[in-house]
């Protein structure tokens, strides 16, 4: 790595994470890209080579405790100083909780969406606080502001991230660390396909551009804002509808687009 600032970005090989990597590179940050597959990481690195920054990759399955320990040990061994931490890696999973979904996949989702955020925060944000400088961007979801039928575990995992973010941000508010929460809605990535939800109404509807979502999060982070949504429509959902409706009303509204047969209810 050079003497430039360094951004560690998880889930960086595609989607919002990859678009965030572009924005940090444009701002002259060196990049440490972390994702599960080395092949996809190398493809991302090749595409990002147009920027005049140093790019390093580290393949890790962040749903595994030992892989996070290995990442931290490697960062320390290399002598890297992380200036920006982007916790973006996550996954979705949909379906009827009692009749269809598999417990093993749901527990893996919790390990990635919840455990890894706690674990990485404990290891890396402590270093930022010790130096009293740096920034943290956590990617959550507007789903964290409402109950999500047929994505029950996913929605709950994002509600955890939202609560964890605000609590931790408050704990370190006397430091110079900037923390921003990014809450996308449906975004044009492989999310719904990987979550077995491509055929639902929410999975087949028009989605936000991941580049625009990433820009909103990045701009909010650099401007010192506490949170950002992926689009104006998502902001309306999160800051208006999900604040005035009851939990039951929100659950029913989302059921209409996430039910496995929701494409029939157009």
Protein backbone atom coordinates (compact mmCIF):
# COMPACT_ATOMS: atom_id res chain seq x y z
CA UNK A 1 0.00 0.00 0.00
CA UNK A 2 1.03 3.65 -0.51
CA UNK A 3 0.78 6.58 1.88
CA UNK A 4 -2.80 7.23 0.82
CA UNK A 5 -5.76 6.57 3.07
CA UNK A 6 -6.98 2.97 3.03
CA UNK A 7 -10.58 1.77 2.81
CA UNK A 8 -11.48 -1.79 3.82
CA UNK A 9 -14.70 -2.78 2.04
CA UNK A 10 -16.52 -6.05 2.62
CA UNK A 11 -18.81 -7.54 -0.02
CA UNK A 12 -16.71 -5.56 -2.48
CA UNK A 13 -16.70 -7.79 -5.54
CA UNK A 14 -20.09 -6.73 -6.90
CA UNK A 15 -23.22 -4.67 -6.33
CA UNK A 16 -23.24 -1.79 -3.87
CA UNK A 17 -19.87 -2.77 -2.39
CA UNK A 18 -18.16 -2.62 -5.76
CA UNK A 19 -19.73 0.78 -6.51
CA UNK A 20 -18.55 2.04 -3.13
CA UNK A 21 -15.04 0.86 -3.99
CA UNK A 22 -15.17 3.01 -7.14
CA UNK A 23 -16.14 6.07 -5.13
CA UNK A 24 -13.36 5.60 -2.59
CA UNK A 25 -10.86 5.05 -5.41
CA UNK A 26 -12.02 8.23 -7.15
CA UNK A 27 -11.33 10.02 -3.87
CA UNK A 28 -7.78 8.65 -3.89
CA UNK A 29 -8.20 5.94 -1.26
CA UNK A 30 -6.23 2.75 -1.58
CA UNK A 31 -8.52 -0.27 -1.43
CA UNK A 32 -8.62 -3.49 0.54
CA UNK A 33 -11.40 -5.52 -1.02
CA UNK A 34 -12.87 -8.39 0.97
CA UNK A 35 -15.33 -10.92 -0.39
CA UNK A 36 -15.96 -14.64 -0.44
CA UNK A 37 -14.65 -15.59 -3.89
CA UNK A 38 -11.09 -14.87 -5.02
CA UNK A 39 -12.03 -15.06 -8.70
CA UNK A 40 -14.66 -12.34 -8.39
CA UNK A 41 -12.30 -10.24 -6.31
CA UNK A 42 -9.66 -10.42 -9.01
CA UNK A 43 -12.22 -9.41 -11.64
CA UNK A 44 -13.21 -6.42 -9.51
CA UNK A 45 -9.57 -5.49 -8.99
CA UNK A 46 -8.96 -5.59 -12.72
CA UNK A 47 -11.91 -3.31 -13.40
CA UNK A 48 -10.82 -0.87 -10.70
CA UNK A 49 -7.29 -0.70 -12.10
CA UNK A 50 -8.24 2.44 -14.05
CA UNK A 51 -7.83 4.38 -10.80
CA UNK A 52 -4.39 5.43 -9.63
CA UNK A 53 -4.61 3.63 -6.30
CA UNK A 54 -3.25 0.46 -4.76
CA UNK A 55 -5.74 -2.42 -4.65
CA UNK A 56 -5.35 -5.49 -2.46
CA UNK A 57 -7.82 -8.37 -2.17
CA UNK A 58 -8.53 -10.81 0.62
CA UNK A 59 -10.87 -13.75 0.16
CA UNK A 60 -12.84 -14.57 3.29
CA UNK A 61 -16.20 -16.04 4.24
CA UNK A 62 -17.28 -13.53 6.86
CA UNK A 63 -20.00 -15.84 8.13
CA UNK A 64 -17.11 -17.82 9.65
CA UNK A 65 -15.55 -16.60 12.90
CA UNK A 66 -12.09 -17.91 12.01
CA UNK A 67 -12.04 -16.08 8.67
CA UNK A 68 -12.62 -12.76 10.43
CA UNK A 69 -9.79 -13.52 12.86
CA UNK A 70 -7.60 -14.43 9.88
CA UNK A 71 -8.46 -11.14 8.14
CA UNK A 72 -7.60 -9.06 11.19
CA UNK A 73 -4.32 -10.93 11.75
CA UNK A 74 -3.35 -10.47 8.11
CA UNK A 75 -4.11 -6.72 8.20
CA UNK A 76 -1.89 -6.35 11.25
CA UNK A 77 0.84 -8.50 9.71
CA UNK A 78 0.87 -6.28 6.62
CA UNK A 79 1.05 -3.18 8.79
CA UNK A 80 -2.06 -1.68 7.20
CA UNK A 81 -3.80 1.24 8.86
CA UNK A 82 -7.51 1.27 8.05
CA UNK A 83 -8.95 4.77 7.61
CA UNK A 84 -12.40 3.84 6.34
CA UNK A 85 -14.28 0.68 7.29
CA UNK A 86 -17.21 -0.31 5.07
CA UNK A 87 -19.30 -3.17 6.45
CA UNK A 88 -21.35 -4.10 3.41
CA UNK A 89 -21.30 -7.89 3.07
CA UNK A 90 -24.69 -9.48 3.58
CA UNK A 91 -27.22 -11.86 2.13
CA UNK A 92 -30.96 -12.35 1.90
CA UNK A 93 -33.18 -15.40 2.06
CA UNK A 94 -36.92 -15.58 1.51
CA UNK A 95 -39.81 -17.96 1.77
CA UNK A 96 -42.35 -19.32 4.23
CA UNK A 97 -40.43 -19.54 7.51
CA UNK A 98 -42.26 -22.59 8.89
CA UNK A 99 -42.98 -24.49 5.67
CA UNK A 100 -40.12 -23.81 3.26
CA UNK A 101 -36.96 -22.13 4.46
CA UNK A 102 -33.96 -24.07 5.74
CA UNK A 103 -32.64 -23.43 9.22
CA UNK A 104 -29.03 -23.92 8.14
CA UNK A 105 -29.28 -21.09 5.60
CA UNK A 106 -31.02 -18.83 8.11
CA UNK A 107 -28.33 -19.37 10.71
CA UNK A 108 -25.66 -18.69 8.09
CA UNK A 109 -27.49 -15.47 7.21
CA UNK A 110 -27.44 -14.42 10.86
CA UNK A 111 -23.74 -15.15 11.10
CA UNK A 112 -23.03 -12.95 8.08
CA UNK A 113 -25.58 -10.16 8.55
CA UNK A 114 -25.32 -9.90 12.33
CA UNK A 115 -22.31 -11.71 13.79
CA UNK A 116 -19.81 -10.38 11.27
CA UNK A 117 -20.90 -6.76 11.82
CA UNK A 118 -20.39 -7.14 15.56
CA UNK A 119 -17.12 -9.00 15.18
CA UNK A 120 -15.59 -6.68 12.58
CA UNK A 121 -16.72 -3.61 14.51
CA UNK A 122 -15.13 -4.91 17.70
CA UNK A 123 -11.83 -5.55 15.95
CA UNK A 124 -11.53 -2.61 13.58
CA UNK A 125 -13.53 0.31 15.00
CA UNK A 126 -11.55 0.00 18.21
CA UNK A 127 -8.44 0.87 16.17
CA UNK A 128 -10.14 3.93 14.66
CA UNK A 129 -11.17 5.15 18.12
CA UNK A 130 -7.66 4.59 19.44
CA UNK A 131 -6.31 6.90 16.70
CA UNK A 132 -9.36 9.19 17.03
CA UNK A 133 -9.85 9.41 13.28
CA UNK A 134 -11.57 7.56 10.47
CA UNK A 135 -15.00 6.72 9.10
CA UNK A 136 -17.41 3.79 9.18
CA UNK A 137 -20.19 3.00 6.71
CA UNK A 138 -22.59 0.18 7.56
CA UNK A 139 -24.91 -1.12 4.86
CA UNK A 140 -28.22 -2.19 6.32
CA UNK A 141 -31.63 -2.01 4.61
CA UNK A 142 -34.94 -0.19 4.78
CA UNK A 143 -36.16 -3.68 5.73
CA UNK A 144 -34.63 -2.99 9.12
CA UNK A 145 -37.37 -0.43 9.79
CA UNK A 146 -40.31 -2.85 9.45
CA UNK A 147 -41.28 -6.51 9.97
CA UNK A 148 -40.74 -8.41 6.70
CA UNK A 149 -42.99 -11.46 6.23
CA UNK A 150 -41.44 -14.16 4.03
CA UNK A 151 -38.05 -12.57 4.75
CA UNK A 152 -38.52 -12.83 8.49
CA UNK A 153 -34.93 -13.62 9.44
CA UNK A 154 -33.42 -11.22 6.92
CA UNK A 155 -35.58 -8.33 8.09
CA UNK A 156 -34.78 -9.06 11.72
CA UNK A 157 -31.07 -9.18 10.94
CA UNK A 158 -31.23 -5.69 9.42
CA UNK A 159 -33.25 -4.39 12.38
CA UNK A 160 -30.35 -5.61 14.53
CA UNK A 161 -27.84 -3.74 12.36
CA UNK A 162 -29.86 -0.52 12.62
CA UNK A 163 -30.10 -0.74 16.42
CA UNK A 164 -26.45 -1.76 16.77
CA UNK A 165 -25.33 1.12 14.54
CA UNK A 166 -27.16 3.81 16.49
CA UNK A 167 -26.05 2.46 19.85
CA UNK A 168 -22.41 2.24 18.81
CA UNK A 169 -22.51 5.64 17.11
CA UNK A 170 -23.77 7.15 20.34
CA UNK A 171 -21.07 5.43 22.39
CA UNK A 172 -18.29 7.00 20.30
CA UNK A 173 -19.93 10.36 19.60
CA UNK A 174 -17.22 12.21 21.54
CA UNK A 175 -14.58 10.96 19.10
CA UNK A 176 -13.74 12.18 15.60
CA UNK A 177 -15.08 8.99 13.99
CA UNK A 178 -17.76 9.52 11.35
CA UNK A 179 -20.42 6.80 11.18
CA UNK A 180 -23.16 6.51 8.57
CA UNK A 181 -25.90 3.92 8.07
CA UNK A 182 -26.90 3.16 4.46
CA UNK A 183 -30.39 1.70 4.05
CA UNK A 184 -31.11 0.60 0.46
CA UNK A 185 -34.41 -0.73 -0.78
CA UNK A 186 -34.70 -3.15 -3.69
CA UNK A 187 -31.50 -2.69 -5.69
CA UNK A 188 -30.44 -4.06 -9.08
CA UNK A 189 -28.02 -6.73 -7.84
CA UNK A 190 -28.09 -10.52 -7.51
CA UNK A 191 -29.74 -10.17 -4.11
CA UNK A 192 -33.22 -11.47 -4.96
CA UNK A 193 -31.96 -14.28 -7.15
CA UNK A 194 -29.61 -15.45 -4.41
CA UNK A 195 -32.40 -15.05 -1.84
CA UNK A 196 -34.76 -17.34 -3.82
CA UNK A 197 -37.11 -14.38 -4.32
CA UNK A 198 -36.71 -13.53 -8.00
CA UNK A 199 -40.30 -14.58 -8.75
CA UNK A 200 -41.94 -12.48 -6.04
CA UNK A 201 -43.39 -9.04 -6.72
CA UNK A 202 -40.58 -7.29 -4.86
CA UNK A 203 -38.05 -9.44 -6.71
CA UNK A 204 -39.45 -8.64 -10.15
CA UNK A 205 -40.21 -4.94 -9.73
CA UNK A 206 -38.02 -2.09 -10.97
CA UNK A 207 -35.04 -1.62 -8.70
CA UNK A 208 -32.60 1.11 -7.79
CA UNK A 209 -29.24 1.49 -9.51
CA UNK A 210 -26.47 0.24 -7.17
CA UNK A 211 -24.21 3.10 -8.31
CA UNK A 212 -26.81 5.65 -7.17
CA UNK A 213 -27.35 3.82 -3.89
CA UNK A 214 -23.61 3.74 -3.25
CA UNK A 215 -23.27 7.44 -4.09
CA UNK A 216 -25.96 8.37 -1.58
CA UNK A 217 -24.22 6.39 1.14
CA UNK A 218 -20.79 7.72 0.29
CA UNK A 219 -21.96 11.33 0.12
CA UNK A 220 -23.70 10.97 3.48
CA UNK A 221 -20.56 9.49 5.03
CA UNK A 222 -18.27 12.21 3.74
CA UNK A 223 -20.78 14.89 4.73
CA UNK A 224 -21.13 13.61 8.26
CA UNK A 225 -24.78 12.53 7.98
CA UNK A 226 -25.95 9.72 10.25
CA UNK A 227 -27.97 7.81 7.64
CA UNK A 228 -28.98 7.66 3.99
CA UNK A 229 -31.54 5.72 1.98
CA UNK A 230 -31.02 4.24 -1.47
CA UNK A 231 -33.51 6.53 -3.25
CA UNK A 232 -36.16 9.17 -2.59
CA UNK A 233 -38.87 6.51 -2.71
CA UNK A 234 -37.06 4.36 -0.19
CA UNK A 235 -36.55 7.40 2.04
CA UNK A 236 -40.29 8.04 1.97
CA UNK A 237 -40.92 4.42 2.95
CA UNK A 238 -38.42 4.49 5.79
CA UNK A 239 -38.94 7.98 7.18
CA UNK A 240 -42.66 8.40 6.57
CA UNK A 241 -44.64 5.18 6.07
CA UNK A 242 -42.61 3.10 8.49
CA UNK A 243 -42.82 5.79 11.16
CA UNK A 244 -46.59 6.38 11.03
CA UNK A 245 -47.84 2.82 10.54
CA UNK A 246 -48.07 0.16 13.21
CA UNK A 247 -45.88 -2.93 13.10
CA UNK A 248 -48.87 -5.00 11.96
CA UNK A 249 -49.70 -2.54 9.19
CA UNK A 250 -46.12 -2.52 7.97
CA UNK A 251 -45.97 -6.31 8.02
CA UNK A 252 -49.16 -6.58 5.95
CA UNK A 253 -47.94 -3.99 3.43
CA UNK A 254 -44.75 -5.91 2.86
CA UNK A 255 -46.51 -9.29 2.77
CA UNK A 256 -48.27 -8.18 -0.43
CA UNK A 257 -44.97 -7.92 -2.30
CA UNK A 258 -42.87 -10.62 -0.62
CA UNK A 259 -45.37 -13.50 -0.51
CA UNK A 260 -44.22 -16.32 -2.84
CA UNK A 261 -47.41 -15.80 -4.93
CA UNK A 262 -47.23 -11.99 -4.85
CA UNK A 263 -46.64 -11.74 -8.60
CA UNK A 264 -50.24 -12.87 -9.01
CA UNK A 265 -51.49 -9.91 -6.97
CA UNK A 266 -50.64 -7.12 -9.40
